[in-house]
C-alpha atoms as a PDB file:
ATOM      1  CA  MET A   1       0.000   0.000   0.000  1.00  0.00           C
ATOM      2  CA  LYS A   2       1.196   3.354  -0.890  1.00  0.00           C
ATOM      3  CA  SER A   3       1.093   5.959   1.761  1.00  0.00           C
ATOM      4  CA  GLU A   4      -0.989   8.958   0.779  1.00  0.00           C
ATOM      5  CA  ALA A   5       0.909  12.201   0.653  1.00  0.00           C
ATOM      6  CA  ARG A   6      -0.595  14.848   2.831  1.00  0.00           C
ATOM      7  CA  THR A   7       0.071  18.521   2.380  1.00  0.00           C
ATOM      8  CA  LEU A   8       0.532  20.197   5.702  1.00  0.00           C
ATOM      9  CA  LYS A   9      -0.819  23.758   5.806  1.00  0.00           C
ATOM     10  CA  PRO A  10       1.082  26.217   7.913  1.00  0.00           C
ATOM     11  CA  PRO A  11      -0.784  27.308  11.046  1.00  0.00           C
ATOM     12  CA  VAL A  12      -2.658  30.544  10.657  1.00  0.00           C
ATOM     13  CA  SER A  13      -1.109  33.263  12.717  1.00  0.00           C
ATOM     14  CA  ALA A  14      -3.261  34.594  15.537  1.00  0.00           C
ATOM     15  CA  ALA A  15      -2.239  38.111  14.651  1.00  0.00           C
ATOM     16  CA  VAL A  16      -4.227  38.071  11.398  1.00  0.00           C
ATOM     17  CA  PRO A  17      -7.715  37.810  12.968  1.00  0.00           C
ATOM     18  CA  THR A  18      -6.732  40.417  15.525  1.00  0.00           C
ATOM     19  CA  ALA A  19      -5.681  42.831  12.789  1.00  0.00           C
ATOM     20  CA  GLN A  20      -8.925  42.131  10.950  1.00  0.00           C
ATOM     21  CA  VAL A  21     -10.947  42.851  14.084  1.00  0.00           C
ATOM     22  CA  ILE A  22      -9.084  46.095  14.648  1.00  0.00           C
ATOM     23  CA  THR A  23      -9.626  47.103  11.022  1.00  0.00           C
ATOM     24  CA  LEU A  24     -13.308  46.210  11.334  1.00  0.00           C
ATOM     25  CA  LYS A  25     -13.700  48.335  14.457  1.00  0.00           C
ATOM     26  CA  LEU A  26     -11.981  51.276  12.810  1.00  0.00           C
ATOM     27  CA  GLN A  27     -14.258  50.985   9.796  1.00  0.00           C
ATOM     28  CA  THR A  28     -17.471  50.751  11.845  1.00  0.00           C
ATOM     29  CA  ALA A  29     -16.635  53.646  14.174  1.00  0.00           C
ATOM     30  CA  PRO A  30     -18.130  56.333  11.878  1.00  0.00           C
ATOM     31  CA  SER A  31     -21.285  54.238  11.412  1.00  0.00           C
ATOM     32  CA  ILE A  32     -21.821  54.341  15.209  1.00  0.00           C
ATOM     33  CA  ARG A  33     -21.790  58.131  15.239  1.00  0.00           C
ATOM     34  CA  GLN A  34     -23.994  58.502  12.191  1.00  0.00           C
ATOM     35  CA  PRO A  35     -27.222  57.221  13.816  1.00  0.00           C
ATOM     36  CA  TRP A  36     -26.768  59.756  16.636  1.00  0.00           C
ATOM     37  CA  LEU A  37     -26.674  62.554  14.076  1.00  0.00           C
ATOM     38  CA  LEU A  38     -29.674  61.131  12.277  1.00  0.00           C
ATOM     39  CA  GLN A  39     -31.663  60.639  15.473  1.00  0.00           C
ATOM     40  CA  ARG A  40     -30.907  63.985  17.157  1.00  0.00           C
ATOM     41  CA  LEU A  41     -29.573  66.776  14.969  1.00  0.00           C
ATOM     42  CA  ILE A  42     -31.414  66.167  11.720  1.00  0.00           C
ATOM     43  CA  PRO A  43     -34.916  65.864  13.301  1.00  0.00           C
ATOM     44  CA  ALA A  44     -34.246  68.963  15.401  1.00  0.00           C
ATOM     45  CA  GLY A  45     -33.161  70.867  12.312  1.00  0.00           C
ATOM     46  CA  CYS A  46     -36.272  69.738  10.437  1.00  0.00           C
ATOM     47  CA  GLY A  47     -38.415  70.937  13.330  1.00  0.00           C
ATOM     48  CA  MET A  48     -36.780  74.371  13.274  1.00  0.00           C
ATOM     49  CA  LEU A  49     -37.244  74.621   9.508  1.00  0.00           C
ATOM     50  CA  LEU A  50     -40.903  73.700   9.888  1.00  0.00           C
ATOM     51  CA  LEU A  51     -41.303  76.385  12.561  1.00  0.00           C
ATOM     52  CA  LEU A  52     -39.707  79.007  10.317  1.00  0.00           C
ATOM     53  CA  LEU A  53     -41.918  77.920   7.431  1.00  0.00           C
ATOM     54  CA  VAL A  54     -45.098  78.258   9.494  1.00  0.00           C
ATOM     55  CA  TRP A  55     -43.829  81.589  10.809  1.00  0.00           C
ATOM     56  CA  GLN A  56     -43.214  82.859   7.267  1.00  0.00           C
ATOM     57  CA  ILE A  57     -46.664  81.747   6.129  1.00  0.00           C
ATOM     58  CA  ALA A  58     -48.259  83.474   9.140  1.00  0.00           C
ATOM     59  CA  ALA A  59     -46.330  86.659   8.387  1.00  0.00           C
ATOM     60  CA  LEU A  60     -47.441  86.661   4.749  1.00  0.00           C
ATOM     61  CA  SER A  61     -51.053  85.939   5.700  1.00  0.00           C
ATOM     62  CA  SER A  62     -51.355  88.515   8.488  1.00  0.00           C
ATOM     63  CA  LYS A  63     -50.831  92.220   8.161  1.00  0.00           C
ATOM     64  CA  GLY A  64     -48.271  93.621  10.575  1.00  0.00           C
ATOM     65  CA  PHE A  65     -46.848  90.264  11.662  1.00  0.00           C
ATOM     66  CA  PRO A  66     -43.045  90.315  11.152  1.00  0.00           C
ATOM     67  CA  THR A  67     -41.209  87.764   9.067  1.00  0.00           C
ATOM     68  CA  PRO A  68     -38.320  85.691  10.474  1.00  0.00           C
ATOM     69  CA  TYR A  69     -35.817  87.806   8.566  1.00  0.00           C
ATOM     70  CA  ALA A  70     -37.250  91.081   9.919  1.00  0.00           C
ATOM     71  CA  THR A  71     -37.153  89.645  13.444  1.00  0.00           C
ATOM     72  CA  TRP A  72     -33.544  88.574  12.936  1.00  0.00           C
ATOM     73  CA  GLN A  73     -32.592  92.095  11.877  1.00  0.00           C
ATOM     74  CA  ALA A  74     -34.335  93.507  14.945  1.00  0.00           C
ATOM     75  CA  ALA A  75     -32.485  90.999  17.140  1.00  0.00           C
ATOM     76  CA  LEU A  76     -29.131  92.142  15.758  1.00  0.00           C
ATOM     77  CA  THR A  77     -30.004  95.711  16.692  1.00  0.00           C
ATOM     78  CA  LEU A  78     -31.370  94.699  20.105  1.00  0.00           C
ATOM     79  CA  PHE A  79     -28.367  92.618  21.122  1.00  0.00           C
ATOM     80  CA  ALA A  80     -25.860  95.144  19.838  1.00  0.00           C
ATOM     81  CA  ASP A  81     -26.159  96.891  23.219  1.00  0.00           C
ATOM     82  CA  PRO A  82     -28.301  94.782  25.600  1.00  0.00           C
ATOM     83  CA  PHE A  83     -27.142  96.595  28.752  1.00  0.00           C
ATOM     84  CA  TYR A  84     -27.727 100.244  27.919  1.00  0.00           C
ATOM     85  CA  ASN A  85     -29.288 102.444  30.604  1.00  0.00           C
ATOM     86  CA  ASN A  86     -31.168 105.590  29.663  1.00  0.00           C
ATOM     87  CA  GLY A  87     -33.209 105.884  32.839  1.00  0.00           C
ATOM     88  CA  PRO A  88     -35.566 103.782  34.987  1.00  0.00           C
ATOM     89  CA  ASN A  89     -38.026 103.063  32.164  1.00  0.00           C
ATOM     90  CA  ASP A  90     -35.551 102.746  29.292  1.00  0.00           C
ATOM     91  CA  GLN A  91     -33.008  99.971  29.866  1.00  0.00           C
ATOM     92  CA  GLY A  92     -31.625  97.184  27.722  1.00  0.00           C
ATOM     93  CA  ILE A  93     -33.038  93.699  27.440  1.00  0.00           C
ATOM     94  CA  GLY A  94     -30.160  92.327  29.494  1.00  0.00           C
ATOM     95  CA  TRP A  95     -31.085  94.399  32.567  1.00  0.00           C
ATOM     96  CA  ASN A  96     -34.714  93.346  32.235  1.00  0.00           C
ATOM     97  CA  VAL A  97     -33.827  89.648  32.152  1.00  0.00           C
ATOM     98  CA  LEU A  98     -31.536  90.034  35.170  1.00  0.00           C
ATOM     99  CA  ALA A  99     -34.271  91.871  37.100  1.00  0.00           C
ATOM    100  CA  SER A 100     -36.721  89.039  36.405  1.00  0.00           C
ATOM    101  CA  LEU A 101     -34.160  86.421  37.431  1.00  0.00           C
ATOM    102  CA  GLN A 102     -33.574  88.313  40.660  1.00  0.00           C
ATOM    103  CA  ARG A 103     -37.283  88.241  41.524  1.00  0.00           C
ATOM    104  CA  VAL A 104     -37.430  84.554  40.657  1.00  0.00           C
ATOM    105  CA  ALA A 105     -34.430  83.849  42.876  1.00  0.00           C
ATOM    106  CA  VAL A 106     -36.069  85.595  45.844  1.00  0.00           C
ATOM    107  CA  GLY A 107     -39.493  83.972  45.494  1.00  0.00           C
ATOM    108  CA  PHE A 108     -38.137  80.563  44.539  1.00  0.00           C
ATOM    109  CA  GLY A 109     -35.535  80.605  47.317  1.00  0.00           C
ATOM    110  CA  LEU A 110     -38.169  81.387  49.942  1.00  0.00           C
ATOM    111  CA  ALA A 111     -40.387  78.635  48.536  1.00  0.00           C
ATOM    112  CA  ALA A 112     -37.532  76.133  48.831  1.00  0.00           C
ATOM    113  CA  LEU A 113     -36.766  77.188  52.403  1.00  0.00           C
ATOM    114  CA  VAL A 114     -40.381  76.657  53.413  1.00  0.00           C
ATOM    115  CA  GLY A 115     -41.576  73.957  51.026  1.00  0.00           C
ATOM    116  CA  ILE A 116     -38.854  71.329  51.455  1.00  0.00           C
ATOM    117  CA  PRO A 117     -38.984  71.208  55.291  1.00  0.00           C
ATOM    118  CA  ALA A 118     -42.796  71.287  55.122  1.00  0.00           C
ATOM    119  CA  GLY A 119     -42.714  68.317  52.752  1.00  0.00           C
ATOM    120  CA  PHE A 120     -40.536  66.390  55.197  1.00  0.00           C
ATOM    121  CA  LEU A 121     -43.009  67.065  58.007  1.00  0.00           C
ATOM    122  CA  LEU A 122     -46.021  66.068  55.915  1.00  0.00           C
ATOM    123  CA  GLY A 123     -44.365  62.868  54.790  1.00  0.00           C
ATOM    124  CA  ARG A 124     -43.003  61.950  58.217  1.00  0.00           C
ATOM    125  CA  PHE A 125     -46.004  62.607  60.454  1.00  0.00           C
ATOM    126  CA  THR A 126     -49.457  61.326  59.529  1.00  0.00           C
ATOM    127  CA  PHE A 127     -51.298  63.866  61.699  1.00  0.00           C
ATOM    128  CA  VAL A 128     -49.553  66.795  60.011  1.00  0.00           C
ATOM    129  CA  SER A 129     -50.261  65.307  56.592  1.00  0.00           C
ATOM    130  CA  ARG A 130     -53.965  64.877  57.296  1.00  0.00           C
ATOM    131  CA  MET A 131     -54.151  68.408  58.679  1.00  0.00           C
ATOM    132  CA  PHE A 132     -52.550  70.195  55.724  1.00  0.00           C
ATOM    133  CA  ASN A 133     -53.519  68.014  52.744  1.00  0.00           C
ATOM    134  CA  PRO A 134     -56.991  69.610  52.415  1.00  0.00           C
ATOM    135  CA  ILE A 135     -55.424  73.081  52.458  1.00  0.00           C
ATOM    136  CA  ILE A 136     -52.895  72.128  49.771  1.00  0.00           C
ATOM    137  CA  ALA A 137     -55.601  70.527  47.643  1.00  0.00           C
ATOM    138  CA  LEU A 138     -57.665  73.726  47.922  1.00  0.00           C
ATOM    139  CA  LEU A 139     -54.925  76.279  47.190  1.00  0.00           C
ATOM    140  CA  ARG A 140     -52.755  74.467  44.646  1.00  0.00           C
ATOM    141  CA  PRO A 141     -55.141  74.802  41.634  1.00  0.00           C
ATOM    142  CA  VAL A 142     -55.561  78.580  42.139  1.00  0.00           C
ATOM    143  CA  SER A 143     -54.331  80.616  39.185  1.00  0.00           C
ATOM    144  CA  PRO A 144     -51.014  82.428  39.799  1.00  0.00           C
ATOM    145  CA  LEU A 145     -52.403  85.837  38.884  1.00  0.00           C
ATOM    146  CA  ALA A 146     -55.145  85.458  41.484  1.00  0.00           C
ATOM    147  CA  TRP A 147     -52.466  85.748  44.174  1.00  0.00           C
ATOM    148  CA  LEU A 148     -51.044  89.005  42.831  1.00  0.00           C
ATOM    149  CA  PRO A 149     -53.767  91.325  44.225  1.00  0.00           C
ATOM    150  CA  ILE A 150     -53.357  89.662  47.620  1.00  0.00           C
ATOM    151  CA  GLY A 151     -49.642  90.427  47.498  1.00  0.00           C
ATOM    152  CA  LEU A 152     -50.279  94.042  46.501  1.00  0.00           C
ATOM    153  CA  LEU A 153     -52.713  94.395  49.389  1.00  0.00           C
ATOM    154  CA  LEU A 154     -50.348  92.847  51.926  1.00  0.00           C
ATOM    155  CA  PHE A 155     -47.092  94.549  50.880  1.00  0.00           C
ATOM    156  CA  GLN A 156     -48.407  97.754  49.261  1.00  0.00           C
ATOM    157  CA  ARG A 157     -45.581  97.589  46.695  1.00  0.00           C
ATOM    158  CA  ALA A 158     -45.143  95.825  43.376  1.00  0.00           C
ATOM    159  CA  GLU A 159     -41.668  94.395  44.030  1.00  0.00           C
ATOM    160  CA  PRO A 160     -42.482  92.148  47.019  1.00  0.00           C
ATOM    161  CA  ALA A 161     -45.879  91.339  45.507  1.00  0.00           C
ATOM    162  CA  SER A 162     -44.186  89.717  42.486  1.00  0.00           C
ATOM    163  CA  SER A 163     -41.891  87.663  44.720  1.00  0.00           C
ATOM    164  CA  TRP A 164     -44.890  86.675  46.851  1.00  0.00           C
ATOM    165  CA  THR A 165     -46.728  85.419  43.753  1.00  0.00           C
ATOM    166  CA  ILE A 166     -43.713  83.319  42.743  1.00  0.00           C
ATOM    167  CA  PHE A 167     -43.410  81.971  46.277  1.00  0.00           C
ATOM    168  CA  ILE A 168     -47.016  80.864  46.637  1.00  0.00           C
ATOM    169  CA  CYS A 169     -47.145  79.259  43.176  1.00  0.00           C
ATOM    170  CA  SER A 170     -43.801  77.436  43.191  1.00  0.00           C
ATOM    171  CA  ILE A 171     -44.011  76.000  46.704  1.00  0.00           C
ATOM    172  CA  TRP A 172     -46.548  73.268  45.963  1.00  0.00           C
ATOM    173  CA  PRO A 173     -44.433  70.950  43.737  1.00  0.00           C
ATOM    174  CA  MET A 174     -41.655  70.971  46.315  1.00  0.00           C
ATOM    175  CA  VAL A 175     -44.023  70.189  49.187  1.00  0.00           C
ATOM    176  CA  ILE A 176     -45.838  67.396  47.335  1.00  0.00           C
ATOM    177  CA  ASN A 177     -42.767  65.699  45.819  1.00  0.00           C
ATOM    178  CA  THR A 178     -40.823  65.840  49.086  1.00  0.00           C
ATOM    179  CA  ALA A 179     -43.741  64.411  51.068  1.00  0.00           C
ATOM    180  CA  GLU A 180     -44.261  61.577  48.574  1.00  0.00           C
ATOM    181  CA  GLY A 181     -40.533  60.824  48.624  1.00  0.00           C
ATOM    182  CA  VAL A 182     -40.555  60.517  52.407  1.00  0.00           C
ATOM    183  CA  GLN A 183     -43.614  58.260  52.350  1.00  0.00           C
ATOM    184  CA  ARG A 184     -41.936  55.898  49.858  1.00  0.00           C
ATOM    185  CA  ILE A 185     -38.955  55.207  52.115  1.00  0.00           C
ATOM    186  CA  PRO A 186     -38.943  51.509  53.124  1.00  0.00           C
ATOM    187  CA  GLN A 187     -40.254  50.963  56.620  1.00  0.00           C
ATOM    188  CA  ASP A 188     -37.229  48.762  57.390  1.00  0.00           C
ATOM    189  CA  TYR A 189     -35.005  51.847  57.418  1.00  0.00           C
ATOM    190  CA  LEU A 190     -37.171  53.511  60.027  1.00  0.00           C
ATOM    191  CA  ASN A 191     -37.415  50.314  62.065  1.00  0.00           C
ATOM    192  CA  VAL A 192     -33.617  50.122  62.237  1.00  0.00           C
ATOM    193  CA  ALA A 193     -33.476  53.741  63.345  1.00  0.00           C
ATOM    194  CA  ARG A 194     -36.035  53.003  66.049  1.00  0.00           C
ATOM    195  CA  VAL A 195     -34.022  50.008  67.267  1.00  0.00           C
ATOM    196  CA  LEU A 196     -30.870  52.120  67.401  1.00  0.00           C
ATOM    197  CA  GLN A 197     -32.838  54.813  69.257  1.00  0.00           C
ATOM    198  CA  LEU A 198     -31.757  57.551  66.866  1.00  0.00           C
ATOM    199  CA  SER A 199     -33.064  61.022  67.455  1.00  0.00           C
ATOM    200  CA  GLU A 200     -35.570  62.542  65.024  1.00  0.00           C
ATOM    201  CA  TRP A 201     -32.941  65.011  63.796  1.00  0.00           C
ATOM    202  CA  THR A 202     -30.520  62.151  63.092  1.00  0.00           C
ATOM    203  CA  VAL A 203     -33.233  60.233  61.240  1.00  0.00           C
ATOM    204  CA  MET A 204     -33.963  63.299  59.131  1.00  0.00           C
ATOM    205  CA  ARG A 205     -30.307  64.005  58.389  1.00  0.00           C
ATOM    206  CA  ARG A 206     -28.905  60.501  57.930  1.00  0.00           C
ATOM    207  CA  ILE A 207     -31.840  58.471  56.558  1.00  0.00           C
ATOM    208  CA  LEU A 208     -34.615  60.629  55.155  1.00  0.00           C
ATOM    209  CA  PHE A 209     -32.660  63.370  53.405  1.00  0.00           C
ATOM    210  CA  PRO A 210     -30.274  61.126  51.386  1.00  0.00           C
ATOM    211  CA  ALA A 211     -33.141  58.847  50.341  1.00  0.00           C
ATOM    212  CA  VAL A 212     -35.518  61.687  49.436  1.00  0.00           C
ATOM    213  CA  LEU A 213     -32.996  63.913  47.641  1.00  0.00           C
ATOM    214  CA  PRO A 214     -33.906  62.754  44.088  1.00  0.00           C
ATOM    215  CA  ALA A 215     -37.604  63.448  44.776  1.00  0.00           C
ATOM    216  CA  VAL A 216     -36.721  66.838  46.242  1.00  0.00           C
ATOM    217  CA  LEU A 217     -34.756  67.786  43.134  1.00  0.00           C
ATOM    218  CA  THR A 218     -37.666  66.720  40.936  1.00  0.00           C
ATOM    219  CA  GLY A 219     -39.951  69.066  42.850  1.00  0.00           C
ATOM    220  CA  VAL A 220     -37.364  71.844  42.583  1.00  0.00           C
ATOM    221  CA  ARG A 221     -37.125  71.352  38.817  1.00  0.00           C
ATOM    222  CA  LEU A 222     -40.894  71.600  38.424  1.00  0.00           C
ATOM    223  CA  SER A 223     -41.037  74.657  40.663  1.00  0.00           C
ATOM    224  CA  ILE A 224     -38.406  76.639  38.761  1.00  0.00           C
ATOM    225  CA  GLY A 225     -40.434  76.265  35.561  1.00  0.00           C
ATOM    226  CA  ILE A 226     -43.552  77.543  37.317  1.00  0.00           C
ATOM    227  CA  ALA A 227     -41.617  80.427  38.884  1.00  0.00           C
ATOM    228  CA  TRP A 228     -40.232  81.587  35.544  1.00  0.00           C
ATOM    229  CA  LEU A 229     -43.678  81.271  33.972  1.00  0.00           C
ATOM    230  CA  VAL A 230     -45.369  83.299  36.701  1.00  0.00           C
ATOM    231  CA  ILE A 231     -42.879  86.178  36.799  1.00  0.00           C
ATOM    232  CA  VAL A 232     -43.555  87.155  33.176  1.00  0.00           C
ATOM    233  CA  ALA A 233     -47.298  87.433  33.772  1.00  0.00           C
ATOM    234  CA  ALA A 234     -46.843  89.206  37.121  1.00  0.00           C
ATOM    235  CA  GLU A 235     -44.494  91.821  35.686  1.00  0.00           C
ATOM    236  CA  MET A 236     -46.984  92.669  32.957  1.00  0.00           C
ATOM    237  CA  LEU A 237     -49.394  93.787  35.654  1.00  0.00           C
ATOM    238  CA  THR A 238     -47.029  95.330  38.196  1.00  0.00           C
ATOM    239  CA  GLY A 239     -44.737  97.214  35.799  1.00  0.00           C
ATOM    240  CA  GLY A 240     -41.187  98.277  36.523  1.00  0.00           C
ATOM    241  CA  LEU A 241     -38.007  96.669  35.296  1.00  0.00           C
ATOM    242  CA  GLY A 242     -38.413  93.094  34.044  1.00  0.00           C
ATOM    243  CA  ILE A 243     -38.924  90.992  30.936  1.00  0.00           C
ATOM    244  CA  GLY A 244     -42.707  90.878  31.412  1.00  0.00           C
ATOM    245  CA  PHE A 245     -43.033  94.645  31.631  1.00  0.00           C
ATOM    246  CA  TRP A 246     -40.613  94.989  28.701  1.00  0.00           C
ATOM    247  CA  ILE A 247     -42.914  92.849  26.528  1.00  0.00           C
ATOM    248  CA  TRP A 248     -45.942  94.933  27.490  1.00  0.00           C
ATOM    249  CA  ASN A 249     -44.044  98.152  26.820  1.00  0.00           C
ATOM    250  CA  GLU A 250     -42.978  96.907  23.372  1.00  0.00           C
ATOM    251  CA  TRP A 251     -46.592  96.030  22.623  1.00  0.00           C
ATOM    252  CA  ASN A 252     -47.632  99.565  23.481  1.00  0.00           C
ATOM    253  CA  ASN A 253     -44.954 100.782  21.068  1.00  0.00           C
ATOM    254  CA  LEU A 254     -46.117  98.254  18.421  1.00  0.00           C
ATOM    255  CA  ASN A 255     -42.667  96.627  18.222  1.00  0.00           C
ATOM    256  CA  VAL A 256     -43.883  93.117  17.451  1.00  0.00           C
ATOM    257  CA  GLU A 257     -40.400  92.000  16.414  1.00  0.00           C
ATOM    258  CA  ASN A 258     -39.089  92.702  19.913  1.00  0.00           C
ATOM    259  CA  ILE A 259     -42.001  90.796  21.446  1.00  0.00           C
ATOM    260  CA  LEU A 260     -41.087  87.705  19.409  1.00  0.00           C
ATOM    261  CA  ILE A 261     -37.449  88.106  20.439  1.00  0.00           C
ATOM    262  CA  ALA A 262     -38.500  88.312  24.095  1.00  0.00           C
ATOM    263  CA  ILE A 263     -40.544  85.121  23.696  1.00  0.00           C
ATOM    264  CA  VAL A 264     -37.448  83.314  22.414  1.00  0.00           C
ATOM    265  CA  ILE A 265     -35.366  84.717  25.286  1.00  0.00           C
ATOM    266  CA  ILE A 266     -37.931  83.557  27.847  1.00  0.00           C
ATOM    267  CA  GLY A 267     -37.930  80.079  26.341  1.00  0.00           C
ATOM    268  CA  VAL A 268     -34.130  79.850  26.265  1.00  0.00           C
ATOM    269  CA  VAL A 269     -33.716  81.046  29.859  1.00  0.00           C
ATOM    270  CA  GLY A 270     -36.414  78.673  31.104  1.00  0.00           C
ATOM    271  CA  LEU A 271     -34.824  75.792  29.200  1.00  0.00           C
ATOM    272  CA  LEU A 272     -31.399  76.527  30.682  1.00  0.00           C
ATOM    273  CA  LEU A 273     -32.775  76.703  34.219  1.00  0.00           C
ATOM    274  CA  GLU A 274     -34.584  73.401  33.806  1.00  0.00           C
ATOM    275  CA  GLN A 275     -31.599  71.666  32.195  1.00  0.00           C
ATOM    276  CA  ILE A 276     -29.308  72.730  35.045  1.00  0.00           C
ATOM    277  CA  LEU A 277     -31.679  71.260  37.606  1.00  0.00           C
ATOM    278  CA  MET A 278     -32.124  68.103  35.515  1.00  0.00           C
ATOM    279  CA  LEU A 279     -28.355  67.609  35.557  1.00  0.00           C
ATOM    280  CA  LEU A 280     -28.390  67.953  39.341  1.00  0.00           C
ATOM    281  CA  ALA A 281     -31.281  65.489  39.571  1.00  0.00           C
ATOM    282  CA  ARG A 282     -29.365  62.930  37.484  1.00  0.00           C
ATOM    283  CA  ARG A 283     -26.260  63.503  39.579  1.00  0.00           C
ATOM    284  CA  PHE A 284     -28.066  62.588  42.787  1.00  0.00           C
ATOM    285  CA  SER A 285     -30.346  59.906  41.362  1.00  0.00           C
ATOM    286  CA  TRP A 286     -29.854  56.408  42.748  1.00  0.00           C
ATOM    287  CA  ASP A 287     -31.736  54.680  39.895  1.00  0.00           C
ATOM    288  CA  LYS A 288     -28.666  53.894  37.808  1.00  0.00           C
END
């Protein structure tokens, strides 16, 4: 019998598949980024184009309504000197936005100082919750502008009345979210604290506050949107320096372009405030 000749193939080097994998990864890297562009930037751009198209159609169909290009030209003039000061009733858009933010900071800060501790008390003690829940349910749906005359009557001045309106309207989300966060804490945590005979202050500081912090930040995020919404309407009625009064003054002067610019500014500032608080909420969220 003749022995069959066998051709031995050299072993394939392990470096070849590795190089192919590396080449494959390098080639597919751009395709990973492309869906992100398609899913985020392109739809957003299409939405903005649709908005400009509807805006242009509305401007052509309505007499006196400015076109996007006319509004852009007015914005260039407006932002050329946003911080000019020609007297109490003639100041740049920058000073008006800062004045509104200052009122929001005062009213919102007071609401946080009162609302967050009140939410802890309502969530921690059943008697307190049952005592104040009917009051919250009665006052929370009241329109923000309904509180403005009460503030004018109590403080006799427009400045604290605006801050009072922000306070009373932005306090409810913080109270409700904080109370619900406290009530959702597992009872085992509180049982351990009772066994260890921890004081109420220690329970609040070491157990309740860390566990409730994400819920607190959610209430804060909702409240800042309400506060920024309310200040514009309140300033239209009280007057003085502020973005709301500036819009009303531009309407009296028939500067519709500046009103549209102010609407964009209000939206951008509100979006930035909410995004900052959303970043904080994600930073302290335990659901990861």
